[in-house]
Amino acid sequence: MASPQQELKPGDLIEIFRLGYEHWALYIGEGYVIHLAPPDGYPAASSSSALSVLGSIAVVKQELLTDVTGGCHYWVNNSLDHKYEPLPVEVIISSAKKLVGQKMKYSIVSRNCEHFVTKLRYGRSHCQQVENAMADAGALATGGALAMIGMAVVRYYLRL
């Protein structure tokens, strides 16, 4: 749950901590959020399901925050406010509400729920989850390459 001192305000970005990933939603007030979710009838149509990230189509939905969190921990995360200036709250909310019910292309790497809500709040898409995953993959690849070089050097000196 959100920390007690965190007051939710319309236009806030809500980060919801799920097993293995974070889901993102935009708080619009009166307990409601707008977010990307699997289309109805999709095998993992529950927006709290980890399988909800596997499709290529998503639907913009307005739902109660409590329904979207499904008991998972969440918090307000407007951490990009220092990097990008948020649009006026009225613009954020009206833009979001106009999209409710629309189907959108979905990609876990380039068009996910975090991209969606940051585009609404800042006018530009951003996804720290993808950036972190890419950095981790790069570090893993670099570490693997260094390990292989190290093994080759050890083998070379063992032959001497």
C-alpha atoms as a PDB file:
ATOM      1  CA  MET A   1       0.000   0.000   0.000  1.00  0.00           C
ATOM      2  CA  ALA A   2       1.002   3.614  -0.331  1.00  0.00           C
ATOM      3  CA  SER A   3       2.758   5.054   2.687  1.00  0.00           C
ATOM      4  CA  PRO A   4       0.403   6.849   5.071  1.00  0.00           C
ATOM      5  CA  GLN A   5       2.131  10.176   4.446  1.00  0.00           C
ATOM      6  CA  GLN A   6       1.646   9.873   0.688  1.00  0.00           C
ATOM      7  CA  GLU A   7      -1.436  11.729  -0.395  1.00  0.00           C
ATOM      8  CA  LEU A   8      -2.540  10.736  -3.869  1.00  0.00           C
ATOM      9  CA  LYS A   9      -3.143  13.668  -6.185  1.00  0.00           C
ATOM     10  CA  PRO A  10      -4.649  13.630  -9.676  1.00  0.00           C
ATOM     11  CA  GLY A  11      -1.871  13.282 -12.218  1.00  0.00           C
ATOM     12  CA  ASP A  12       0.366  11.220  -9.912  1.00  0.00           C
ATOM     13  CA  LEU A  13       2.091   8.162 -11.336  1.00  0.00           C
ATOM     14  CA  ILE A  14       1.456   5.041  -9.291  1.00  0.00           C
ATOM     15  CA  GLU A  15       4.062   2.275  -9.301  1.00  0.00           C
ATOM     16  CA  ILE A  16       2.599  -1.087  -8.289  1.00  0.00           C
ATOM     17  CA  PHE A  17       5.018  -3.798  -7.199  1.00  0.00           C
ATOM     18  CA  ARG A  18       4.138  -7.172  -8.707  1.00  0.00           C
ATOM     19  CA  LEU A  19       6.087 -10.400  -8.660  1.00  0.00           C
ATOM     20  CA  GLY A  20       8.931  -9.861 -11.141  1.00  0.00           C
ATOM     21  CA  TYR A  21       7.900  -6.467 -12.506  1.00  0.00           C
ATOM     22  CA  GLU A  22       6.216  -3.181 -11.717  1.00  0.00           C
ATOM     23  CA  HIS A  23       2.879  -2.104 -13.155  1.00  0.00           C
ATOM     24  CA  TRP A  24       2.158   1.608 -13.618  1.00  0.00           C
ATOM     25  CA  ALA A  25      -1.058   3.609 -13.525  1.00  0.00           C
ATOM     26  CA  LEU A  26      -2.093   7.251 -13.541  1.00  0.00           C
ATOM     27  CA  TYR A  27      -4.141   8.465 -10.597  1.00  0.00           C
ATOM     28  CA  ILE A  28      -7.108  10.576 -11.739  1.00  0.00           C
ATOM     29  CA  GLY A  29      -8.823  11.143  -8.400  1.00  0.00           C
ATOM     30  CA  GLU A  30     -11.656   9.709  -6.288  1.00  0.00           C
ATOM     31  CA  GLY A  31      -9.848   6.376  -5.998  1.00  0.00           C
ATOM     32  CA  TYR A  32      -9.564   5.777  -9.783  1.00  0.00           C
ATOM     33  CA  VAL A  33      -6.609   5.191 -12.069  1.00  0.00           C
ATOM     34  CA  ILE A  34      -6.148   4.888 -15.805  1.00  0.00           C
ATOM     35  CA  HIS A  35      -3.729   2.230 -17.031  1.00  0.00           C
ATOM     36  CA  LEU A  36      -2.922  -0.246 -19.775  1.00  0.00           C
ATOM     37  CA  ALA A  37      -4.400  -3.701 -19.267  1.00  0.00           C
ATOM     38  CA  PRO A  38      -4.930  -6.838 -21.354  1.00  0.00           C
ATOM     39  CA  PRO A  39      -8.083  -6.815 -23.478  1.00  0.00           C
ATOM     40  CA  ASP A  40     -11.152  -8.511 -21.984  1.00  0.00           C
ATOM     41  CA  GLY A  41     -11.263 -12.152 -22.963  1.00  0.00           C
ATOM     42  CA  TYR A  42      -7.469 -12.389 -23.119  1.00  0.00           C
ATOM     43  CA  PRO A  43      -6.343 -15.471 -21.186  1.00  0.00           C
ATOM     44  CA  ALA A  44      -4.582 -13.235 -18.613  1.00  0.00           C
ATOM     45  CA  ALA A  45      -7.158 -10.462 -18.597  1.00  0.00           C
ATOM     46  CA  SER A  46      -6.606  -9.886 -14.896  1.00  0.00           C
ATOM     47  CA  SER A  47      -4.443  -6.782 -14.823  1.00  0.00           C
ATOM     48  CA  SER A  48      -2.738  -8.153 -11.730  1.00  0.00           C
ATOM     49  CA  SER A  49      -1.513 -11.244 -13.570  1.00  0.00           C
ATOM     50  CA  ALA A  50       2.160 -11.516 -14.507  1.00  0.00           C
ATOM     51  CA  LEU A  51       0.980 -12.958 -17.827  1.00  0.00           C
ATOM     52  CA  SER A  52      -0.673  -9.617 -18.616  1.00  0.00           C
ATOM     53  CA  VAL A  53       2.646  -8.339 -19.978  1.00  0.00           C
ATOM     54  CA  LEU A  54       2.907 -10.971 -22.708  1.00  0.00           C
ATOM     55  CA  GLY A  55       0.357  -9.734 -25.248  1.00  0.00           C
ATOM     56  CA  SER A  56       0.867  -7.321 -28.153  1.00  0.00           C
ATOM     57  CA  ILE A  57      -2.384  -5.398 -27.621  1.00  0.00           C
ATOM     58  CA  ALA A  58      -3.521  -3.539 -24.529  1.00  0.00           C
ATOM     59  CA  VAL A  59      -6.642  -1.613 -23.634  1.00  0.00           C
ATOM     60  CA  VAL A  60      -6.724   1.675 -21.757  1.00  0.00           C
ATOM     61  CA  LYS A  61      -8.890   1.116 -18.695  1.00  0.00           C
ATOM     62  CA  GLN A  62     -10.247   3.261 -15.894  1.00  0.00           C
ATOM     63  CA  GLU A  63     -10.558   1.215 -12.729  1.00  0.00           C
ATOM     64  CA  LEU A  64     -10.435   1.587  -8.980  1.00  0.00           C
ATOM     65  CA  LEU A  65      -6.880   1.704  -7.687  1.00  0.00           C
ATOM     66  CA  THR A  66      -7.699  -1.011  -5.155  1.00  0.00           C
ATOM     67  CA  ASP A  67      -8.820  -3.331  -7.975  1.00  0.00           C
ATOM     68  CA  VAL A  68      -5.682  -2.646 -10.022  1.00  0.00           C
ATOM     69  CA  THR A  69      -3.276  -3.123  -7.115  1.00  0.00           C
ATOM     70  CA  GLY A  70      -4.901  -6.409  -6.131  1.00  0.00           C
ATOM     71  CA  GLY A  71      -3.393  -6.102  -2.658  1.00  0.00           C
ATOM     72  CA  CYS A  72       0.127  -5.432  -3.964  1.00  0.00           C
ATOM     73  CA  HIS A  73       2.294  -2.692  -2.466  1.00  0.00           C
ATOM     74  CA  TYR A  74       2.318   0.585  -4.395  1.00  0.00           C
ATOM     75  CA  TRP A  75       3.567   4.132  -4.103  1.00  0.00           C
ATOM     76  CA  VAL A  76       3.506   7.477  -5.856  1.00  0.00           C
ATOM     77  CA  ASN A  77       6.503   7.680  -8.180  1.00  0.00           C
ATOM     78  CA  ASN A  78       6.851  11.052  -9.865  1.00  0.00           C
ATOM     79  CA  SER A  79      10.631  10.684  -9.836  1.00  0.00           C
ATOM     80  CA  LEU A  80      11.022  12.085 -13.342  1.00  0.00           C
ATOM     81  CA  ASP A  81       9.674  15.486 -12.230  1.00  0.00           C
ATOM     82  CA  HIS A  82      13.294  16.595 -11.777  1.00  0.00           C
ATOM     83  CA  LYS A  83      14.091  15.638 -15.378  1.00  0.00           C
ATOM     84  CA  TYR A  84      10.878  16.587 -17.211  1.00  0.00           C
ATOM     85  CA  GLU A  85       8.277  19.183 -16.342  1.00  0.00           C
ATOM     86  CA  PRO A  86       4.843  17.636 -15.809  1.00  0.00           C
ATOM     87  CA  LEU A  87       2.048  18.862 -18.040  1.00  0.00           C
ATOM     88  CA  PRO A  88      -0.798  20.750 -16.344  1.00  0.00           C
ATOM     89  CA  VAL A  89      -2.952  18.321 -14.325  1.00  0.00           C
ATOM     90  CA  GLU A  90      -6.073  19.181 -16.361  1.00  0.00           C
ATOM     91  CA  VAL A  91      -4.235  18.247 -19.585  1.00  0.00           C
ATOM     92  CA  ILE A  92      -2.920  14.997 -18.088  1.00  0.00           C
ATOM     93  CA  ILE A  93      -6.356  13.893 -16.871  1.00  0.00           C
ATOM     94  CA  SER A  94      -8.325  14.934 -19.960  1.00  0.00           C
ATOM     95  CA  SER A  95      -5.796  13.256 -22.277  1.00  0.00           C
ATOM     96  CA  ALA A  96      -5.981  10.064 -20.233  1.00  0.00           C
ATOM     97  CA  LYS A  97      -9.781  10.006 -20.106  1.00  0.00           C
ATOM     98  CA  LYS A  98     -10.004  10.430 -23.897  1.00  0.00           C
ATOM     99  CA  LEU A  99      -8.023   7.208 -24.313  1.00  0.00           C
ATOM    100  CA  VAL A 100     -10.184   5.012 -22.058  1.00  0.00           C
ATOM    101  CA  GLY A 101     -11.535   2.052 -24.017  1.00  0.00           C
ATOM    102  CA  GLN A 102      -9.016   2.362 -26.845  1.00  0.00           C
ATOM    103  CA  LYS A 103      -6.876  -0.575 -27.914  1.00  0.00           C
ATOM    104  CA  MET A 104      -3.188   0.187 -28.248  1.00  0.00           C
ATOM    105  CA  LYS A 105      -0.111  -1.644 -29.478  1.00  0.00           C
ATOM    106  CA  TYR A 106       1.806  -3.080 -26.545  1.00  0.00           C
ATOM    107  CA  SER A 107       5.445  -4.035 -26.245  1.00  0.00           C
ATOM    108  CA  ILE A 108       7.145  -4.839 -22.986  1.00  0.00           C
ATOM    109  CA  VAL A 109      10.255  -3.027 -24.303  1.00  0.00           C
ATOM    110  CA  SER A 110       8.897   0.043 -26.099  1.00  0.00           C
ATOM    111  CA  ARG A 111       5.160   0.522 -25.426  1.00  0.00           C
ATOM    112  CA  ASN A 112       4.447  -0.694 -21.914  1.00  0.00           C
ATOM    113  CA  CYS A 113       2.416   0.681 -19.020  1.00  0.00           C
ATOM    114  CA  GLU A 114       5.286   2.855 -17.735  1.00  0.00           C
ATOM    115  CA  HIS A 115       5.808   4.370 -21.204  1.00  0.00           C
ATOM    116  CA  PHE A 116       2.060   5.019 -21.343  1.00  0.00           C
ATOM    117  CA  VAL A 117       1.727   6.909 -18.056  1.00  0.00           C
ATOM    118  CA  THR A 118       4.946   8.896 -18.438  1.00  0.00           C
ATOM    119  CA  LYS A 119       3.767  10.041 -21.880  1.00  0.00           C
ATOM    120  CA  LEU A 120       0.551  11.280 -20.267  1.00  0.00           C
ATOM    121  CA  ARG A 121       2.315  13.087 -17.399  1.00  0.00           C
ATOM    122  CA  TYR A 122       5.343  14.509 -19.222  1.00  0.00           C
ATOM    123  CA  GLY A 123       4.426  14.452 -22.896  1.00  0.00           C
ATOM    124  CA  ARG A 124       7.191  11.916 -23.534  1.00  0.00           C
ATOM    125  CA  SER A 125       7.590   8.213 -22.955  1.00  0.00           C
ATOM    126  CA  HIS A 126      10.158   6.901 -20.507  1.00  0.00           C
ATOM    127  CA  CYS A 127      10.672   3.522 -18.892  1.00  0.00           C
ATOM    128  CA  GLN A 128      13.240   3.118 -16.150  1.00  0.00           C
ATOM    129  CA  GLN A 129      12.460  -0.624 -15.931  1.00  0.00           C
ATOM    130  CA  VAL A 130      13.611  -1.148 -19.521  1.00  0.00           C
ATOM    131  CA  GLU A 131      16.679   1.056 -19.044  1.00  0.00           C
ATOM    132  CA  ASN A 132      17.637  -0.893 -15.908  1.00  0.00           C
ATOM    133  CA  ALA A 133      17.098  -4.234 -17.649  1.00  0.00           C
ATOM    134  CA  MET A 134      19.241  -3.136 -20.610  1.00  0.00           C
ATOM    135  CA  ALA A 135      21.991  -1.933 -18.265  1.00  0.00           C
ATOM    136  CA  ASP A 136      21.831  -5.223 -16.342  1.00  0.00           C
ATOM    137  CA  ALA A 137      22.009  -7.206 -19.598  1.00  0.00           C
ATOM    138  CA  GLY A 138      24.980  -5.122 -20.734  1.00  0.00           C
ATOM    139  CA  ALA A 139      26.753  -5.642 -17.418  1.00  0.00           C
ATOM    140  CA  LEU A 140      26.034  -9.357 -17.586  1.00  0.00           C
ATOM    141  CA  ALA A 141      27.400  -9.555 -21.138  1.00  0.00           C
ATOM    142  CA  THR A 142      30.487  -7.543 -20.165  1.00  0.00           C
ATOM    143  CA  GLY A 143      31.005  -9.704 -17.085  1.00  0.00           C
ATOM    144  CA  GLY A 144      30.648 -12.840 -19.183  1.00  0.00           C
ATOM    145  CA  ALA A 145      33.148 -11.562 -21.745  1.00  0.00           C
ATOM    146  CA  LEU A 146      35.638 -10.644 -19.002  1.00  0.00           C
ATOM    147  CA  ALA A 147      35.219 -14.069 -17.439  1.00  0.00           C
ATOM    148  CA  MET A 148      35.948 -15.741 -20.781  1.00  0.00           C
ATOM    149  CA  ILE A 149      39.045 -13.597 -21.295  1.00  0.00           C
ATOM    150  CA  GLY A 150      40.158 -14.395 -17.751  1.00  0.00           C
ATOM    151  CA  MET A 151      39.716 -18.100 -18.364  1.00  0.00           C
ATOM    152  CA  ALA A 152      41.699 -17.859 -21.601  1.00  0.00           C
ATOM    153  CA  VAL A 153      44.555 -16.078 -19.799  1.00  0.00           C
ATOM    154  CA  VAL A 154      44.572 -18.694 -17.027  1.00  0.00           C
ATOM    155  CA  ARG A 155      44.627 -21.520 -19.584  1.00  0.00           C
ATOM    156  CA  TYR A 156      47.488 -19.831 -21.447  1.00  0.00           C
ATOM    157  CA  TYR A 157      49.591 -19.533 -18.282  1.00  0.00           C
ATOM    158  CA  LEU A 158      48.763 -23.078 -17.205  1.00  0.00           C
ATOM    159  CA  ARG A 159      50.288 -24.329 -20.480  1.00  0.00           C
ATOM    160  CA  LEU A 160      53.618 -22.609 -19.800  1.00  0.00           C
END
